[in-house]
Amino acid sequence: MNKANNTETVESYRFHHIDTNKCRKCTSYDCEEACFRGIYHVINKDSEPKCIVIEDREDRCIKCHICTTQCKFGAIIID
């Protein structure tokens, strides 16, 4: 997880790390659409968007990195 700039705004799951400060700028929510395993969900779309990992689905991740390339702000990091 050493790629994260500000660890105070990074939410860590088992092997996903999301810089929620970068999520605030998002308007397209590409992470939700890109993940064919349904791992991500964006909450607070009307105010301050925040991407979260649906924890009981994290084990479904095959680390294909489609989400990391689709996120325009580079908010998602996968170990």
PDB file of N, CA and C in Angstrom:
ATOM      1  N   MET A   1       0.810  -1.180   0.000  1.00  0.00           N
ATOM      2  CA  MET A   1       0.000   0.000   0.000  1.00  0.00           C
ATOM      3  C   MET A   1       0.863   1.256   0.000  1.00  0.00           C
ATOM      4  N   ASN A   2       2.099   1.161  -0.332  1.00  0.00           N
ATOM      5  CA  ASN A   2       3.001   2.292  -0.294  1.00  0.00           C
ATOM      6  C   ASN A   2       2.746   3.312  -1.399  1.00  0.00           C
ATOM      7  N   LYS A   3       1.831   3.030  -2.323  1.00  0.00           N
ATOM      8  CA  LYS A   3       1.513   3.962  -3.396  1.00  0.00           C
ATOM      9  C   LYS A   3       0.561   5.064  -2.944  1.00  0.00           C
ATOM     10  N   ALA A   4      -0.063   4.899  -1.809  1.00  0.00           N
ATOM     11  CA  ALA A   4      -1.029   5.887  -1.326  1.00  0.00           C
ATOM     12  C   ALA A   4      -0.294   7.109  -0.801  1.00  0.00           C
ATOM     13  N   ASN A   5      -0.748   8.276  -1.223  1.00  0.00           N
ATOM     14  CA  ASN A   5      -0.088   9.516  -0.827  1.00  0.00           C
ATOM     15  C   ASN A   5      -0.400   9.901   0.613  1.00  0.00           C
ATOM     16  N   ASN A   6      -1.660   9.944   0.968  1.00  0.00           N
ATOM     17  CA  ASN A   6      -2.068  10.382   2.289  1.00  0.00           C
ATOM     18  C   ASN A   6      -2.799   9.237   2.972  1.00  0.00           C
ATOM     19  N   THR A   7      -2.118   8.540   3.852  1.00  0.00           N
ATOM     20  CA  THR A   7      -2.704   7.358   4.467  1.00  0.00           C
ATOM     21  C   THR A   7      -3.847   7.681   5.423  1.00  0.00           C
ATOM     22  N   GLU A   8      -4.030   8.945   5.785  1.00  0.00           N
ATOM     23  CA  GLU A   8      -5.147   9.314   6.658  1.00  0.00           C
ATOM     24  C   GLU A   8      -6.487   9.162   5.950  1.00  0.00           C
ATOM     25  N   THR A   9      -6.506   9.300   4.638  1.00  0.00           N
ATOM     26  CA  THR A   9      -7.761   9.201   3.890  1.00  0.00           C
ATOM     27  C   THR A   9      -7.913   7.862   3.179  1.00  0.00           C
ATOM     28  N   VAL A  10      -7.036   6.915   3.472  1.00  0.00           N
ATOM     29  CA  VAL A  10      -7.090   5.608   2.828  1.00  0.00           C
ATOM     30  C   VAL A  10      -7.830   4.629   3.727  1.00  0.00           C
ATOM     31  N   GLU A  11      -8.885   4.033   3.169  1.00  0.00           N
ATOM     32  CA  GLU A  11      -9.604   2.979   3.877  1.00  0.00           C
ATOM     33  C   GLU A  11      -9.073   1.646   3.376  1.00  0.00           C
ATOM     34  N   SER A  12      -8.650   0.811   4.292  1.00  0.00           N
ATOM     35  CA  SER A  12      -8.056  -0.468   3.930  1.00  0.00           C
ATOM     36  C   SER A  12      -8.986  -1.622   4.261  1.00  0.00           C
ATOM     37  N   TYR A  13      -9.042  -2.533   3.326  1.00  0.00           N
ATOM     38  CA  TYR A  13      -9.773  -3.785   3.490  1.00  0.00           C
ATOM     39  C   TYR A  13      -8.709  -4.878   3.467  1.00  0.00           C
ATOM     40  N   ARG A  14      -9.064  -6.105   3.185  1.00  0.00           N
ATOM     41  CA  ARG A  14      -8.052  -7.173   3.202  1.00  0.00           C
ATOM     42  C   ARG A  14      -6.906  -6.877   2.250  1.00  0.00           C
ATOM     43  N   PHE A  15      -7.188  -6.644   0.996  1.00  0.00           N
ATOM     44  CA  PHE A  15      -6.135  -6.316   0.049  1.00  0.00           C
ATOM     45  C   PHE A  15      -6.510  -5.192  -0.903  1.00  0.00           C
ATOM     46  N   HIS A  16      -7.608  -4.517  -0.621  1.00  0.00           N
ATOM     47  CA  HIS A  16      -7.998  -3.322  -1.354  1.00  0.00           C
ATOM     48  C   HIS A  16      -7.756  -2.114  -0.460  1.00  0.00           C
ATOM     49  N   HIS A  17      -7.305  -1.045  -1.061  1.00  0.00           N
ATOM     50  CA  HIS A  17      -7.092   0.206  -0.341  1.00  0.00           C
ATOM     51  C   HIS A  17      -7.672   1.314  -1.208  1.00  0.00           C
ATOM     52  N   ILE A  18      -8.508   2.158  -0.607  1.00  0.00           N
ATOM     53  CA  ILE A  18      -9.192   3.195  -1.366  1.00  0.00           C
ATOM     54  C   ILE A  18      -8.924   4.545  -0.723  1.00  0.00           C
ATOM     55  N   ASP A  19      -8.354   5.456  -1.515  1.00  0.00           N
ATOM     56  CA  ASP A  19      -8.115   6.814  -1.055  1.00  0.00           C
ATOM     57  C   ASP A  19      -9.419   7.584  -1.219  1.00  0.00           C
ATOM     58  N   THR A  20     -10.160   7.696  -0.141  1.00  0.00           N
ATOM     59  CA  THR A  20     -11.487   8.301  -0.190  1.00  0.00           C
ATOM     60  C   THR A  20     -11.443   9.796  -0.499  1.00  0.00           C
ATOM     61  N   ASN A  21     -10.315  10.437  -0.271  1.00  0.00           N
ATOM     62  CA  ASN A  21     -10.171  11.841  -0.624  1.00  0.00           C
ATOM     63  C   ASN A  21     -10.259  12.010  -2.150  1.00  0.00           C
ATOM     64  N   LYS A  22      -9.704  11.071  -2.887  1.00  0.00           N
ATOM     65  CA  LYS A  22      -9.767  11.110  -4.349  1.00  0.00           C
ATOM     66  C   LYS A  22     -11.173  10.796  -4.849  1.00  0.00           C
ATOM     67  N   CYS A  23     -11.916   9.990  -4.111  1.00  0.00           N
ATOM     68  CA  CYS A  23     -13.290   9.643  -4.489  1.00  0.00           C
ATOM     69  C   CYS A  23     -14.199  10.866  -4.521  1.00  0.00           C
ATOM     70  N   ARG A  24     -13.916  11.843  -3.709  1.00  0.00           N
ATOM     71  CA  ARG A  24     -14.773  13.029  -3.614  1.00  0.00           C
ATOM     72  C   ARG A  24     -14.887  13.781  -4.924  1.00  0.00           C
ATOM     73  N   LYS A  25     -13.889  13.649  -5.784  1.00  0.00           N
ATOM     74  CA  LYS A  25     -13.876  14.362  -7.067  1.00  0.00           C
ATOM     75  C   LYS A  25     -14.663  13.626  -8.144  1.00  0.00           C
ATOM     76  N   CYS A  26     -15.000  12.395  -7.904  1.00  0.00           N
ATOM     77  CA  CYS A  26     -15.583  11.517  -8.926  1.00  0.00           C
ATOM     78  C   CYS A  26     -17.043  11.859  -9.224  1.00  0.00           C
ATOM     79  N   THR A  27     -17.375  11.749 -10.491  1.00  0.00           N
ATOM     80  CA  THR A  27     -18.768  11.917 -10.917  1.00  0.00           C
ATOM     81  C   THR A  27     -19.233  10.770 -11.813  1.00  0.00           C
ATOM     82  N   SER A  28     -18.313   9.899 -12.200  1.00  0.00           N
ATOM     83  CA  SER A  28     -18.671   8.830 -13.142  1.00  0.00           C
ATOM     84  C   SER A  28     -18.841   7.460 -12.491  1.00  0.00           C
ATOM     85  N   TYR A  29     -18.259   7.237 -11.334  1.00  0.00           N
ATOM     86  CA  TYR A  29     -18.378   5.986 -10.570  1.00  0.00           C
ATOM     87  C   TYR A  29     -18.000   4.767 -11.412  1.00  0.00           C
ATOM     88  N   ASP A  30     -16.909   4.890 -12.126  1.00  0.00           N
ATOM     89  CA  ASP A  30     -16.445   3.832 -13.018  1.00  0.00           C
ATOM     90  C   ASP A  30     -16.063   2.554 -12.284  1.00  0.00           C
ATOM     91  N   CYS A  31     -15.641   2.654 -11.044  1.00  0.00           N
ATOM     92  CA  CYS A  31     -15.252   1.460 -10.291  1.00  0.00           C
ATOM     93  C   CYS A  31     -16.431   0.503 -10.142  1.00  0.00           C
ATOM     94  N   GLU A  32     -17.605   1.055  -9.873  1.00  0.00           N
ATOM     95  CA  GLU A  32     -18.810   0.233  -9.727  1.00  0.00           C
ATOM     96  C   GLU A  32     -19.138  -0.507 -11.021  1.00  0.00           C
ATOM     97  N   GLU A  33     -19.037   0.205 -12.116  1.00  0.00           N
ATOM     98  CA  GLU A  33     -19.395  -0.362 -13.418  1.00  0.00           C
ATOM     99  C   GLU A  33     -18.327  -1.311 -13.951  1.00  0.00           C
ATOM    100  N   ALA A  34     -17.063  -1.008 -13.685  1.00  0.00           N
ATOM    101  CA  ALA A  34     -15.961  -1.790 -14.245  1.00  0.00           C
ATOM    102  C   ALA A  34     -15.825  -3.176 -13.624  1.00  0.00           C
ATOM    103  N   CYS A  35     -16.113  -3.287 -12.345  1.00  0.00           N
ATOM    104  CA  CYS A  35     -15.915  -4.554 -11.647  1.00  0.00           C
ATOM    105  C   CYS A  35     -17.058  -5.515 -11.959  1.00  0.00           C
ATOM    106  N   PHE A  36     -16.739  -6.533 -12.719  1.00  0.00           N
ATOM    107  CA  PHE A  36     -17.759  -7.521 -13.095  1.00  0.00           C
ATOM    108  C   PHE A  36     -18.069  -8.480 -11.950  1.00  0.00           C
ATOM    109  N   ARG A  37     -17.344  -8.375 -10.861  1.00  0.00           N
ATOM    110  CA  ARG A  37     -17.592  -9.200  -9.678  1.00  0.00           C
ATOM    111  C   ARG A  37     -18.437  -8.473  -8.634  1.00  0.00           C
ATOM    112  N   GLY A  38     -18.757  -7.204  -8.885  1.00  0.00           N
ATOM    113  CA  GLY A  38     -19.612  -6.449  -7.969  1.00  0.00           C
ATOM    114  C   GLY A  38     -18.989  -6.164  -6.620  1.00  0.00           C
ATOM    115  N   ILE A  39     -17.707  -5.877  -6.607  1.00  0.00           N
ATOM    116  CA  ILE A  39     -16.991  -5.692  -5.351  1.00  0.00           C
ATOM    117  C   ILE A  39     -17.151  -4.282  -4.795  1.00  0.00           C
ATOM    118  N   TYR A  40     -17.319  -3.297  -5.660  1.00  0.00           N
ATOM    119  CA  TYR A  40     -17.360  -1.906  -5.223  1.00  0.00           C
ATOM    120  C   TYR A  40     -18.775  -1.341  -5.219  1.00  0.00           C
ATOM    121  N   HIS A  41     -18.974  -0.403  -4.309  1.00  0.00           N
ATOM    122  CA  HIS A  41     -20.229   0.345  -4.257  1.00  0.00           C
ATOM    123  C   HIS A  41     -19.866   1.777  -3.879  1.00  0.00           C
ATOM    124  N   VAL A  42     -20.457   2.733  -4.558  1.00  0.00           N
ATOM    125  CA  VAL A  42     -20.206   4.135  -4.243  1.00  0.00           C
ATOM    126  C   VAL A  42     -21.390   4.658  -3.439  1.00  0.00           C
ATOM    127  N   ILE A  43     -21.080   5.174  -2.267  1.00  0.00           N
ATOM    128  CA  ILE A  43     -22.113   5.753  -1.410  1.00  0.00           C
ATOM    129  C   ILE A  43     -22.019   7.276  -1.487  1.00  0.00           C
ATOM    130  N   ASN A  44     -23.049   7.948  -1.040  1.00  0.00           N
ATOM    131  CA  ASN A  44     -23.102   9.416  -0.991  1.00  0.00           C
ATOM    132  C   ASN A  44     -22.877  10.063  -2.354  1.00  0.00           C
ATOM    133  N   LYS A  45     -23.466   9.510  -3.386  1.00  0.00           N
ATOM    134  CA  LYS A  45     -23.271  10.045  -4.735  1.00  0.00           C
ATOM    135  C   LYS A  45     -23.781  11.476  -4.870  1.00  0.00           C
ATOM    136  N   ASP A  46     -24.758  11.865  -4.068  1.00  0.00           N
ATOM    137  CA  ASP A  46     -25.329  13.207  -4.158  1.00  0.00           C
ATOM    138  C   ASP A  46     -24.523  14.267  -3.410  1.00  0.00           C
ATOM    139  N   SER A  47     -23.641  13.845  -2.517  1.00  0.00           N
ATOM    140  CA  SER A  47     -22.873  14.825  -1.742  1.00  0.00           C
ATOM    141  C   SER A  47     -21.373  14.596  -1.915  1.00  0.00           C
ATOM    142  N   GLU A  48     -20.781  13.776  -1.067  1.00  0.00           N
ATOM    143  CA  GLU A  48     -19.358  13.455  -1.166  1.00  0.00           C
ATOM    144  C   GLU A  48     -19.221  11.979  -1.480  1.00  0.00           C
ATOM    145  N   PRO A  49     -19.044  11.629  -2.760  1.00  0.00           N
ATOM    146  CA  PRO A  49     -18.948  10.217  -3.132  1.00  0.00           C
ATOM    147  C   PRO A  49     -17.799   9.508  -2.414  1.00  0.00           C
ATOM    148  N   LYS A  50     -18.051   8.255  -2.104  1.00  0.00           N
ATOM    149  CA  LYS A  50     -17.041   7.445  -1.420  1.00  0.00           C
ATOM    150  C   LYS A  50     -17.197   6.009  -1.889  1.00  0.00           C
ATOM    151  N   CYS A  51     -16.145   5.473  -2.436  1.00  0.00           N
ATOM    152  CA  CYS A  51     -16.136   4.085  -2.895  1.00  0.00           C
ATOM    153  C   CYS A  51     -15.830   3.181  -1.702  1.00  0.00           C
ATOM    154  N   ILE A  52     -16.610   2.130  -1.577  1.00  0.00           N
ATOM    155  CA  ILE A  52     -16.364   1.147  -0.528  1.00  0.00           C
ATOM    156  C   ILE A  52     -16.304  -0.246  -1.156  1.00  0.00           C
ATOM    157  N   VAL A  53     -15.666  -1.148  -0.465  1.00  0.00           N
ATOM    158  CA  VAL A  53     -15.628  -2.546  -0.874  1.00  0.00           C
ATOM    159  C   VAL A  53     -16.725  -3.268  -0.109  1.00  0.00           C
ATOM    160  N   ILE A  54     -17.538  -4.010  -0.819  1.00  0.00           N
ATOM    161  CA  ILE A  54     -18.550  -4.831  -0.168  1.00  0.00           C
ATOM    162  C   ILE A  54     -17.798  -6.025   0.395  1.00  0.00           C
ATOM    163  N   GLU A  55     -17.614  -6.005   1.703  1.00  0.00           N
ATOM    164  CA  GLU A  55     -16.664  -6.902   2.359  1.00  0.00           C
ATOM    165  C   GLU A  55     -16.918  -8.377   2.112  1.00  0.00           C
ATOM    166  N   ASP A  56     -18.154  -8.808   2.061  1.00  0.00           N
ATOM    167  CA  ASP A  56     -18.389 -10.234   1.834  1.00  0.00           C
ATOM    168  C   ASP A  56     -18.139 -10.634   0.377  1.00  0.00           C
ATOM    169  N   ARG A  57     -17.823  -9.656  -0.482  1.00  0.00           N
ATOM    170  CA  ARG A  57     -17.500  -9.952  -1.885  1.00  0.00           C
ATOM    171  C   ARG A  57     -16.016  -9.807  -2.201  1.00  0.00           C
ATOM    172  N   GLU A  58     -15.241  -9.301  -1.260  1.00  0.00           N
ATOM    173  CA  GLU A  58     -13.828  -9.049  -1.537  1.00  0.00           C
ATOM    174  C   GLU A  58     -13.089 -10.312  -1.964  1.00  0.00           C
ATOM    175  N   ASP A  59     -13.457 -11.446  -1.420  1.00  0.00           N
ATOM    176  CA  ASP A  59     -12.794 -12.702  -1.786  1.00  0.00           C
ATOM    177  C   ASP A  59     -13.054 -13.105  -3.235  1.00  0.00           C
ATOM    178  N   ARG A  60     -14.043 -12.510  -3.868  1.00  0.00           N
ATOM    179  CA  ARG A  60     -14.329 -12.798  -5.271  1.00  0.00           C
ATOM    180  C   ARG A  60     -13.339 -12.128  -6.223  1.00  0.00           C
ATOM    181  N   CYS A  61     -12.582 -11.171  -5.732  1.00  0.00           N
ATOM    182  CA  CYS A  61     -11.640 -10.409  -6.564  1.00  0.00           C
ATOM    183  C   CYS A  61     -10.553 -11.329  -7.120  1.00  0.00           C
ATOM    184  N   ILE A  62     -10.322 -11.221  -8.406  1.00  0.00           N
ATOM    185  CA  ILE A  62      -9.253 -12.002  -9.045  1.00  0.00           C
ATOM    186  C   ILE A  62      -8.054 -11.123  -9.387  1.00  0.00           C
ATOM    187  N   LYS A  63      -8.065  -9.894  -8.866  1.00  0.00           N
ATOM    188  CA  LYS A  63      -6.974  -8.927  -9.049  1.00  0.00           C
ATOM    189  C   LYS A  63      -6.669  -8.676 -10.531  1.00  0.00           C
ATOM    190  N   CYS A  64      -7.727  -8.474 -11.299  1.00  0.00           N
ATOM    191  CA  CYS A  64      -7.565  -8.204 -12.729  1.00  0.00           C
ATOM    192  C   CYS A  64      -7.156  -6.756 -12.993  1.00  0.00           C
ATOM    193  N   HIS A  65      -7.325  -5.885 -12.025  1.00  0.00           N
ATOM    194  CA  HIS A  65      -6.951  -4.468 -12.070  1.00  0.00           C
ATOM    195  C   HIS A  65      -7.750  -3.640 -13.071  1.00  0.00           C
ATOM    196  N   ILE A  66      -8.885  -4.135 -13.502  1.00  0.00           N
ATOM    197  CA  ILE A  66      -9.748  -3.322 -14.358  1.00  0.00           C
ATOM    198  C   ILE A  66     -10.215  -2.090 -13.577  1.00  0.00           C
ATOM    199  N   CYS A  67     -10.524  -2.277 -12.315  1.00  0.00           N
ATOM    200  CA  CYS A  67     -10.990  -1.165 -11.482  1.00  0.00           C
ATOM    201  C   CYS A  67      -9.909  -0.094 -11.327  1.00  0.00           C
ATOM    202  N   THR A  68      -8.669  -0.507 -11.145  1.00  0.00           N
ATOM    203  CA  THR A  68      -7.601   0.474 -10.932  1.00  0.00           C
ATOM    204  C   THR A  68      -7.335   1.280 -12.197  1.00  0.00           C
ATOM    205  N   THR A  69      -7.537   0.681 -13.351  1.00  0.00           N
ATOM    206  CA  THR A  69      -7.331   1.419 -14.600  1.00  0.00           C
ATOM    207  C   THR A  69      -8.531   2.281 -14.957  1.00  0.00           C
ATOM    208  N   GLN A  70      -9.716   1.884 -14.529  1.00  0.00           N
ATOM    209  CA  GLN A  70     -10.918   2.660 -14.820  1.00  0.00           C
ATOM    210  C   GLN A  70     -11.071   3.870 -13.912  1.00  0.00           C
ATOM    211  N   CYS A  71     -10.535   3.809 -12.717  1.00  0.00           N
ATOM    212  CA  CYS A  71     -10.636   4.928 -11.778  1.00  0.00           C
ATOM    213  C   CYS A  71      -9.758   6.074 -12.271  1.00  0.00           C
ATOM    214  N   LYS A  72     -10.390   7.151 -12.701  1.00  0.00           N
ATOM    215  CA  LYS A  72      -9.674   8.299 -13.281  1.00  0.00           C
ATOM    216  C   LYS A  72      -8.747   8.996 -12.280  1.00  0.00           C
ATOM    217  N   PHE A  73      -9.028   8.831 -11.004  1.00  0.00           N
ATOM    218  CA  PHE A  73      -8.258   9.531  -9.982  1.00  0.00           C
ATOM    219  C   PHE A  73      -7.236   8.635  -9.279  1.00  0.00           C
ATOM    220  N   GLY A  74      -7.180   7.375  -9.657  1.00  0.00           N
ATOM    221  CA  GLY A  74      -6.224   6.455  -9.050  1.00  0.00           C
ATOM    222  C   GLY A  74      -6.476   6.214  -7.574  1.00  0.00           C
ATOM    223  N   ALA A  75      -7.729   6.158  -7.203  1.00  0.00           N
ATOM    224  CA  ALA A  75      -8.071   6.004  -5.786  1.00  0.00           C
ATOM    225  C   ALA A  75      -7.956   4.572  -5.290  1.00  0.00           C
ATOM    226  N   ILE A  76      -7.986   3.604  -6.199  1.00  0.00           N
ATOM    227  CA  ILE A  76      -7.988   2.200  -5.799  1.00  0.00           C
ATOM    228  C   ILE A  76      -6.597   1.582  -5.950  1.00  0.00           C
ATOM    229  N   ILE A  77      -6.176   0.935  -4.881  1.00  0.00           N
ATOM    230  CA  ILE A  77      -4.884   0.227  -4.869  1.00  0.00           C
ATOM    231  C   ILE A  77      -5.166  -1.197  -4.418  1.00  0.00           C
ATOM    232  N   ILE A  78      -4.602  -2.154  -5.137  1.00  0.00           N
ATOM    233  CA  ILE A  78      -4.768  -3.563  -4.782  1.00  0.00           C
ATOM    234  C   ILE A  78      -3.403  -4.158  -4.481  1.00  0.00           C
ATOM    235  N   ASP A  79      -3.299  -4.831  -3.325  1.00  0.00           N
ATOM    236  CA  ASP A  79      -2.037  -5.513  -2.962  1.00  0.00           C
ATOM    237  C   ASP A  79      -1.896  -6.772  -3.778  1.00  0.00           C
TER     238      ASP A  79
END
